[in-house]
N, C-alpha and C. Protein backbone atom coordinates (compact mmCIF):
# COMPACT_ATOMS: atom_id res chain seq x y z
N UNK A 1 176.70 39.44 23.45
CA UNK A 1 177.71 40.47 23.60
C UNK A 1 177.56 41.13 24.97
N UNK A 2 178.65 41.22 25.70
CA UNK A 2 178.58 41.64 27.09
C UNK A 2 178.73 43.16 27.28
N UNK A 3 179.37 43.88 26.40
CA UNK A 3 179.62 45.29 26.62
C UNK A 3 181.03 45.50 27.11
N UNK A 4 181.27 46.65 27.70
CA UNK A 4 182.62 46.94 28.18
C UNK A 4 182.81 46.52 29.63
N UNK A 5 184.05 46.38 30.02
CA UNK A 5 184.42 45.85 31.33
C UNK A 5 184.16 46.87 32.44
N UNK A 6 183.72 46.44 33.63
CA UNK A 6 183.45 47.37 34.72
C UNK A 6 184.71 48.05 35.26
N UNK A 7 185.88 47.54 34.97
CA UNK A 7 187.09 48.24 35.40
C UNK A 7 187.21 49.60 34.72
N UNK A 8 186.62 49.73 33.53
CA UNK A 8 186.61 51.03 32.86
C UNK A 8 185.77 52.01 33.66
N UNK A 9 184.62 51.56 34.16
CA UNK A 9 183.79 52.42 35.01
C UNK A 9 184.54 52.84 36.27
N UNK A 10 185.24 51.91 36.87
CA UNK A 10 186.00 52.21 38.08
C UNK A 10 187.08 53.25 37.80
N UNK A 11 187.80 53.07 36.70
CA UNK A 11 188.85 54.02 36.35
C UNK A 11 188.25 55.39 36.02
N UNK A 12 187.09 55.43 35.37
CA UNK A 12 186.47 56.71 35.05
C UNK A 12 185.99 57.44 36.29
N UNK A 13 185.46 56.72 37.27
CA UNK A 13 185.05 57.36 38.52
C UNK A 13 186.25 58.03 39.18
N UNK A 14 187.35 57.31 39.27
CA UNK A 14 188.55 57.86 39.91
C UNK A 14 189.11 59.03 39.09
N UNK A 15 189.20 58.87 37.78
CA UNK A 15 189.75 59.92 36.92
C UNK A 15 188.89 61.18 36.94
N UNK A 16 187.58 61.03 36.80
CA UNK A 16 186.70 62.21 36.82
C UNK A 16 186.74 62.89 38.18
N UNK A 17 186.78 62.12 39.26
CA UNK A 17 186.85 62.72 40.59
C UNK A 17 188.13 63.53 40.75
N UNK A 18 189.25 62.99 40.29
CA UNK A 18 190.52 63.72 40.38
C UNK A 18 190.46 65.00 39.57
N UNK A 19 189.97 64.92 38.36
CA UNK A 19 189.92 66.10 37.49
C UNK A 19 188.98 67.15 38.05
N UNK A 20 187.80 66.74 38.48
CA UNK A 20 186.82 67.71 38.97
C UNK A 20 187.28 68.36 40.27
N UNK A 21 187.81 67.59 41.19
CA UNK A 21 188.27 68.16 42.46
C UNK A 21 189.53 69.00 42.25
N UNK A 22 190.42 68.53 41.40
CA UNK A 22 191.69 69.21 41.23
C UNK A 22 191.64 70.48 40.40
N UNK A 23 190.70 70.56 39.46
CA UNK A 23 190.73 71.67 38.52
C UNK A 23 189.49 72.55 38.54
N UNK A 24 188.65 72.44 39.55
CA UNK A 24 187.51 73.34 39.69
C UNK A 24 187.56 74.00 41.06
N UNK A 25 187.08 75.23 41.15
CA UNK A 25 187.04 75.88 42.46
C UNK A 25 186.02 75.21 43.38
N UNK A 26 186.16 75.43 44.66
CA UNK A 26 185.30 74.76 45.64
C UNK A 26 183.83 75.12 45.47
N UNK A 27 183.53 76.29 44.94
CA UNK A 27 182.14 76.71 44.79
C UNK A 27 181.56 76.37 43.42
N UNK A 28 182.26 75.63 42.61
CA UNK A 28 181.81 75.32 41.25
C UNK A 28 180.58 74.43 41.25
N UNK A 29 179.63 74.76 40.39
CA UNK A 29 178.42 73.95 40.23
C UNK A 29 178.72 72.64 39.51
N UNK A 30 179.82 72.57 38.79
CA UNK A 30 180.20 71.35 38.09
C UNK A 30 180.37 70.20 39.06
N UNK A 31 180.82 70.49 40.26
CA UNK A 31 180.99 69.44 41.27
C UNK A 31 179.65 68.80 41.62
N UNK A 32 178.62 69.60 41.77
CA UNK A 32 177.29 69.07 42.07
C UNK A 32 176.67 68.40 40.85
N UNK A 33 176.83 69.01 39.69
CA UNK A 33 176.22 68.46 38.48
C UNK A 33 176.88 67.17 38.01
N UNK A 34 178.08 66.89 38.47
CA UNK A 34 178.76 65.66 38.05
C UNK A 34 178.35 64.45 38.91
N UNK A 35 177.62 64.69 39.99
CA UNK A 35 177.20 63.59 40.86
C UNK A 35 176.39 62.51 40.14
N UNK A 36 175.39 62.86 39.31
CA UNK A 36 174.65 61.78 38.63
C UNK A 36 175.53 60.93 37.72
N UNK A 37 176.45 61.54 37.01
CA UNK A 37 177.34 60.79 36.13
C UNK A 37 178.22 59.84 36.93
N UNK A 38 178.85 60.35 37.97
CA UNK A 38 179.72 59.50 38.79
C UNK A 38 178.91 58.43 39.51
N UNK A 39 177.71 58.77 39.95
CA UNK A 39 176.85 57.79 40.60
C UNK A 39 176.45 56.68 39.64
N UNK A 40 176.13 57.04 38.40
CA UNK A 40 175.78 56.03 37.41
C UNK A 40 176.96 55.12 37.11
N UNK A 41 178.15 55.70 36.95
CA UNK A 41 179.34 54.89 36.67
C UNK A 41 179.64 53.94 37.83
N UNK A 42 179.51 54.43 39.06
CA UNK A 42 179.75 53.58 40.22
C UNK A 42 178.71 52.45 40.30
N UNK A 43 177.44 52.79 40.09
CA UNK A 43 176.40 51.77 40.12
C UNK A 43 176.60 50.73 39.02
N UNK A 44 176.95 51.20 37.83
CA UNK A 44 177.18 50.28 36.72
C UNK A 44 178.34 49.33 37.02
N UNK A 45 179.40 49.85 37.60
CA UNK A 45 180.54 49.02 37.95
C UNK A 45 180.15 47.97 38.99
N UNK A 46 179.46 48.40 40.03
CA UNK A 46 179.09 47.48 41.11
C UNK A 46 178.14 46.39 40.60
N UNK A 47 177.22 46.76 39.74
CA UNK A 47 176.25 45.77 39.27
C UNK A 47 176.83 44.82 38.23
N UNK A 48 177.87 45.23 37.51
CA UNK A 48 178.44 44.38 36.46
C UNK A 48 179.67 43.59 36.91
N UNK A 49 180.26 43.95 38.03
CA UNK A 49 181.47 43.25 38.48
C UNK A 49 181.28 41.74 38.63
N UNK A 50 180.20 41.26 39.24
CA UNK A 50 180.06 39.80 39.37
C UNK A 50 179.94 39.07 38.03
N UNK A 51 179.48 39.76 37.00
CA UNK A 51 179.33 39.13 35.68
C UNK A 51 180.66 39.02 34.94
N UNK A 52 181.55 39.98 35.16
CA UNK A 52 182.79 40.04 34.40
C UNK A 52 183.99 39.47 35.14
N UNK A 53 183.96 39.51 36.46
CA UNK A 53 185.11 39.05 37.24
C UNK A 53 184.70 37.76 37.93
N UNK A 54 185.40 36.70 37.60
CA UNK A 54 185.01 35.35 38.04
C UNK A 54 185.13 35.16 39.55
N UNK A 55 186.18 35.66 40.14
CA UNK A 55 186.37 35.48 41.58
C UNK A 55 185.60 36.55 42.35
N UNK A 56 184.75 36.11 43.25
CA UNK A 56 183.89 37.05 43.96
C UNK A 56 184.67 38.01 44.84
N UNK A 57 185.81 37.58 45.37
CA UNK A 57 186.60 38.48 46.21
C UNK A 57 187.18 39.63 45.39
N UNK A 58 187.59 39.35 44.16
CA UNK A 58 188.10 40.43 43.30
C UNK A 58 186.96 41.34 42.85
N UNK A 59 185.83 40.76 42.53
CA UNK A 59 184.68 41.56 42.11
C UNK A 59 184.23 42.50 43.21
N UNK A 60 184.17 41.98 44.43
CA UNK A 60 183.75 42.84 45.54
C UNK A 60 184.81 43.88 45.88
N UNK A 61 186.07 43.56 45.67
CA UNK A 61 187.13 44.54 45.90
C UNK A 61 187.04 45.70 44.91
N UNK A 62 186.83 45.38 43.65
CA UNK A 62 186.70 46.43 42.63
C UNK A 62 185.46 47.27 42.89
N UNK A 63 184.35 46.63 43.18
CA UNK A 63 183.12 47.36 43.48
C UNK A 63 183.25 48.22 44.73
N UNK A 64 183.89 47.68 45.75
CA UNK A 64 184.09 48.44 46.98
C UNK A 64 185.00 49.64 46.78
N UNK A 65 186.06 49.45 45.99
CA UNK A 65 186.96 50.57 45.71
C UNK A 65 186.24 51.67 44.93
N UNK A 66 185.42 51.27 43.97
CA UNK A 66 184.68 52.24 43.18
C UNK A 66 183.68 53.00 44.05
N UNK A 67 182.95 52.29 44.89
CA UNK A 67 181.99 52.94 45.78
C UNK A 67 182.69 53.86 46.77
N UNK A 68 183.82 53.44 47.30
CA UNK A 68 184.58 54.28 48.22
C UNK A 68 185.08 55.54 47.52
N UNK A 69 185.53 55.41 46.30
CA UNK A 69 185.98 56.58 45.53
C UNK A 69 184.83 57.54 45.30
N UNK A 70 183.66 57.01 44.97
CA UNK A 70 182.49 57.86 44.76
C UNK A 70 182.09 58.58 46.05
N UNK A 71 182.05 57.85 47.16
CA UNK A 71 181.67 58.47 48.43
C UNK A 71 182.71 59.49 48.89
N UNK A 72 183.96 59.24 48.60
CA UNK A 72 185.01 60.21 48.91
C UNK A 72 184.80 61.49 48.09
N UNK A 73 184.44 61.34 46.82
CA UNK A 73 184.14 62.50 45.99
C UNK A 73 182.97 63.29 46.58
N UNK A 74 181.92 62.59 46.99
CA UNK A 74 180.78 63.28 47.59
C UNK A 74 181.21 64.05 48.83
N UNK A 75 182.04 63.45 49.66
CA UNK A 75 182.50 64.11 50.88
C UNK A 75 183.36 65.32 50.56
N UNK A 76 184.35 65.16 49.72
CA UNK A 76 185.30 66.24 49.46
C UNK A 76 184.71 67.34 48.58
N UNK A 77 184.03 66.96 47.51
CA UNK A 77 183.61 67.94 46.53
C UNK A 77 182.27 68.59 46.85
N UNK A 78 181.36 67.86 47.45
CA UNK A 78 180.02 68.40 47.64
C UNK A 78 179.77 68.80 49.09
N UNK A 79 180.04 67.91 50.03
CA UNK A 79 179.72 68.20 51.41
C UNK A 79 180.70 69.16 52.06
N UNK A 80 181.99 68.92 51.88
CA UNK A 80 183.00 69.77 52.55
C UNK A 80 183.30 71.04 51.79
N UNK A 81 183.31 70.98 50.50
CA UNK A 81 183.67 72.08 49.60
C UNK A 81 185.01 72.63 50.00
């Protein structure tokens, strides 16, 4: 049994980033405390993409998009505030 698809992780990273940035004030601690969760989801997606997606170009595209979304969250929510 393989578990759930890494596209779910990718969608959750994007969805949580949108919700946290859009609905919390810039000084909210929730932005900092959500980093481990989003980091875990991004790592899980990147590590599982080659197993679930047969074409390596698609797997790397999904992993790259997820990592870019995570790094954008770090920039906007934590570093820039």
